[in-house]
Amino acid sequence: MALAMTTSRNGTITAAERPMLVGVAGTPFRYQSPDEDSTRWLGFPFRDGDIVISTRSKTGTTWVQMICALLIFQTPELPAPLAQLSPWLGSL
């Protein structure tokens, strides 16, 4: 499997340039366990500017979400609840 990442001239990654893990045949690599399945991402409507936080379950996802929010907003006073700013894909 390979990870390819490209960026536009201004250093941002557009929706078409997002990195994707691909299998040998060029199709998305599927991660599956009894409680997780990466195919849920196939139909998700990403927007330009979205940041994807991906962690295994029970490994501190909310903690990582908060760290990212603090880095983005530069203040502990968030403009909305964390669950609204960074929803879990399984809850959408």
C-alpha atoms as a PDB file:
ATOM      1  CA  MET A   1       0.000   0.000   0.000  1.00  0.00           C
ATOM      2  CA  ALA A   2       1.204   3.518  -0.731  1.00  0.00           C
ATOM      3  CA  LEU A   3       0.445   6.956   0.624  1.00  0.00           C
ATOM      4  CA  ALA A   4       0.694   9.764  -1.886  1.00  0.00           C
ATOM      5  CA  MET A   5       0.370  13.372  -0.801  1.00  0.00           C
ATOM      6  CA  THR A   6       0.432  16.416  -3.011  1.00  0.00           C
ATOM      7  CA  THR A   7      -0.196  20.045  -2.204  1.00  0.00           C
ATOM      8  CA  SER A   8      -1.247  23.018  -4.277  1.00  0.00           C
ATOM      9  CA  ARG A   9       1.026  26.006  -4.821  1.00  0.00           C
ATOM     10  CA  ASN A  10      -0.151  27.751  -1.659  1.00  0.00           C
ATOM     11  CA  GLY A  11       0.577  24.651   0.439  1.00  0.00           C
ATOM     12  CA  THR A  12      -3.019  23.574   1.048  1.00  0.00           C
ATOM     13  CA  ILE A  13      -4.477  20.211   0.099  1.00  0.00           C
ATOM     14  CA  THR A  14      -7.634  20.377  -1.997  1.00  0.00           C
ATOM     15  CA  ALA A  15     -10.361  17.728  -1.910  1.00  0.00           C
ATOM     16  CA  ALA A  16      -8.997  16.155  -5.101  1.00  0.00           C
ATOM     17  CA  GLU A  17      -5.472  16.061  -3.652  1.00  0.00           C
ATOM     18  CA  ARG A  18      -6.279  14.419  -0.308  1.00  0.00           C
ATOM     19  CA  PRO A  19      -4.006  11.483   0.441  1.00  0.00           C
ATOM     20  CA  MET A  20      -5.562   8.048   0.216  1.00  0.00           C
ATOM     21  CA  LEU A  21      -4.202   4.682   1.181  1.00  0.00           C
ATOM     22  CA  VAL A  22      -4.556   2.426  -1.806  1.00  0.00           C
ATOM     23  CA  GLY A  23      -4.102  -1.281  -2.246  1.00  0.00           C
ATOM     24  CA  VAL A  24      -2.018  -2.905  -4.939  1.00  0.00           C
ATOM     25  CA  ALA A  25      -4.803  -2.681  -7.525  1.00  0.00           C
ATOM     26  CA  GLY A  26      -5.321   1.057  -6.885  1.00  0.00           C
ATOM     27  CA  THR A  27      -8.572   0.655  -4.968  1.00  0.00           C
ATOM     28  CA  PRO A  28      -9.008   2.126  -1.482  1.00  0.00           C
ATOM     29  CA  PHE A  29      -7.608  -0.151   1.218  1.00  0.00           C
ATOM     30  CA  ARG A  30     -10.309  -1.447   3.547  1.00  0.00           C
ATOM     31  CA  TYR A  31      -9.663  -1.559   7.280  1.00  0.00           C
ATOM     32  CA  GLN A  32     -12.143  -3.770   9.077  1.00  0.00           C
ATOM     33  CA  SER A  33     -12.506  -5.089  12.615  1.00  0.00           C
ATOM     34  CA  PRO A  34     -15.483  -6.191  14.718  1.00  0.00           C
ATOM     35  CA  ASP A  35     -16.219  -2.545  15.640  1.00  0.00           C
ATOM     36  CA  GLU A  36     -14.777  -0.559  12.715  1.00  0.00           C
ATOM     37  CA  ASP A  37     -15.068  -0.533   8.925  1.00  0.00           C
ATOM     38  CA  SER A  38     -13.368   2.047   6.721  1.00  0.00           C
ATOM     39  CA  THR A  39     -15.971   1.706   3.943  1.00  0.00           C
ATOM     40  CA  ARG A  40     -18.140   4.197   5.855  1.00  0.00           C
ATOM     41  CA  TRP A  41     -15.839   6.914   4.420  1.00  0.00           C
ATOM     42  CA  LEU A  42     -16.645   6.084   0.776  1.00  0.00           C
ATOM     43  CA  GLY A  43     -19.913   8.044   0.679  1.00  0.00           C
ATOM     44  CA  PHE A  44     -18.978  10.863   3.054  1.00  0.00           C
ATOM     45  CA  PRO A  45     -19.281  14.348   1.430  1.00  0.00           C
ATOM     46  CA  PHE A  46     -15.955  16.000   2.321  1.00  0.00           C
ATOM     47  CA  ARG A  47     -15.729  19.786   2.032  1.00  0.00           C
ATOM     48  CA  ASP A  48     -12.662  21.841   1.177  1.00  0.00           C
ATOM     49  CA  GLY A  49     -11.014  22.741   4.457  1.00  0.00           C
ATOM     50  CA  ASP A  50     -12.205  19.637   6.336  1.00  0.00           C
ATOM     51  CA  ILE A  51      -9.698  18.096   8.711  1.00  0.00           C
ATOM     52  CA  VAL A  52     -10.040  14.359   9.266  1.00  0.00           C
ATOM     53  CA  ILE A  53      -9.039  13.047  12.689  1.00  0.00           C
ATOM     54  CA  SER A  54      -8.667   9.295  12.562  1.00  0.00           C
ATOM     55  CA  THR A  55      -7.953   7.218  15.645  1.00  0.00           C
ATOM     56  CA  ARG A  56      -8.724   3.684  16.711  1.00  0.00           C
ATOM     57  CA  SER A  57     -11.665   3.384  19.059  1.00  0.00           C
ATOM     58  CA  LYS A  58     -10.879   3.782  22.753  1.00  0.00           C
ATOM     59  CA  THR A  59      -7.482   5.405  22.072  1.00  0.00           C
ATOM     60  CA  GLY A  60      -8.213   9.004  23.012  1.00  0.00           C
ATOM     61  CA  THR A  61     -10.251  10.291  20.061  1.00  0.00           C
ATOM     62  CA  THR A  62     -11.920  13.065  22.075  1.00  0.00           C
ATOM     63  CA  TRP A  63      -8.550  14.081  23.489  1.00  0.00           C
ATOM     64  CA  VAL A  64      -7.073  14.326  19.963  1.00  0.00           C
ATOM     65  CA  GLN A  65     -10.140  16.278  18.781  1.00  0.00           C
ATOM     66  CA  MET A  66      -9.623  18.798  21.600  1.00  0.00           C
ATOM     67  CA  ILE A  67      -5.914  19.172  20.847  1.00  0.00           C
ATOM     68  CA  CYS A  68      -6.746  19.882  17.194  1.00  0.00           C
ATOM     69  CA  ALA A  69      -9.458  22.386  18.171  1.00  0.00           C
ATOM     70  CA  LEU A  70      -7.032  24.189  20.495  1.00  0.00           C
ATOM     71  CA  LEU A  71      -4.448  24.380  17.717  1.00  0.00           C
ATOM     72  CA  ILE A  72      -6.984  25.671  15.200  1.00  0.00           C
ATOM     73  CA  PHE A  73      -8.783  28.220  17.401  1.00  0.00           C
ATOM     74  CA  GLN A  74      -5.772  29.163  19.569  1.00  0.00           C
ATOM     75  CA  THR A  75      -7.991  29.466  22.655  1.00  0.00           C
ATOM     76  CA  PRO A  76      -9.772  27.125  25.076  1.00  0.00           C
ATOM     77  CA  GLU A  77     -12.940  29.193  24.513  1.00  0.00           C
ATOM     78  CA  LEU A  78     -14.318  27.226  21.558  1.00  0.00           C
ATOM     79  CA  PRO A  79     -17.016  28.832  19.352  1.00  0.00           C
ATOM     80  CA  ALA A  80     -19.266  25.755  19.726  1.00  0.00           C
ATOM     81  CA  PRO A  81     -19.305  22.459  21.634  1.00  0.00           C
ATOM     82  CA  LEU A  82     -16.539  20.073  20.586  1.00  0.00           C
ATOM     83  CA  ALA A  83     -19.065  17.485  19.372  1.00  0.00           C
ATOM     84  CA  GLN A  84     -20.524  20.080  17.005  1.00  0.00           C
ATOM     85  CA  LEU A  85     -17.128  21.300  15.749  1.00  0.00           C
ATOM     86  CA  SER A  86     -15.756  17.786  15.321  1.00  0.00           C
ATOM     87  CA  PRO A  87     -18.573  15.260  14.885  1.00  0.00           C
ATOM     88  CA  TRP A  88     -17.901  11.539  14.859  1.00  0.00           C
ATOM     89  CA  LEU A  89     -18.598  10.061  11.433  1.00  0.00           C
ATOM     90  CA  GLY A  90     -20.570   7.214  13.024  1.00  0.00           C
ATOM     91  CA  SER A  91     -22.973   9.717  14.591  1.00  0.00           C
ATOM     92  CA  LEU A  92     -23.811  11.620  11.402  1.00  0.00           C
END
